[in-house]
Amino acid sequence: MRSAEHGVLCTAGARGAIDAVPVCFALVSTSIVTPVDTVKPKRTTELVRLKNLDRDPTATLLCEHWNPSDWSQLWWVRAYLVRRSVQHVGNALLEESDRALREKYAQYRDTDFAELVLLDVKTFVGWSAAGAHSGGPEGTAHLV
């Protein structure tokens, strides 16, 4: 999961439908941090995913690697997450999260974030062609 360039964050919409959106993220300890950035154009920083997480703090992040010419390199990881409340996010974790995003994405090095969203990883599953066993497609994921 660490090596994934991006992921797809899935949250529950107001009417129960799943809202899925590509996100940049970094893994910090046992949490995922994803920014609300000001680099990419958007109408507002009051994003639907934030409203969804305010209503229901659970989410799923799906990351995958696809190589069309070498399927032995395929893998995916699905992390089940719960948004950490703002009261439970200390300055040290915010600073570490900010640093991790800036190290991972060059586009973030000289910009400010509107917000950092921290999500605790509760469980995760995944699959890798390199580590596939005959027991089925899903198994214990590693933070690739």
Foldseek 3Di string as FASTA:
>chain_A
DQPFQWWWKWFQAPVRDIDIDIFGWHDDPQKIKTFLFPLDDDPDSPDRRVVRCVVPQKMKIKTWDDDPVDLQFTKIKIFIWGWDDPVPDDPVNVVVRLVRSVVSDVSSVPGDTPDMIMIGGPAMWMAGSNPDDPPDGIDHDDPD
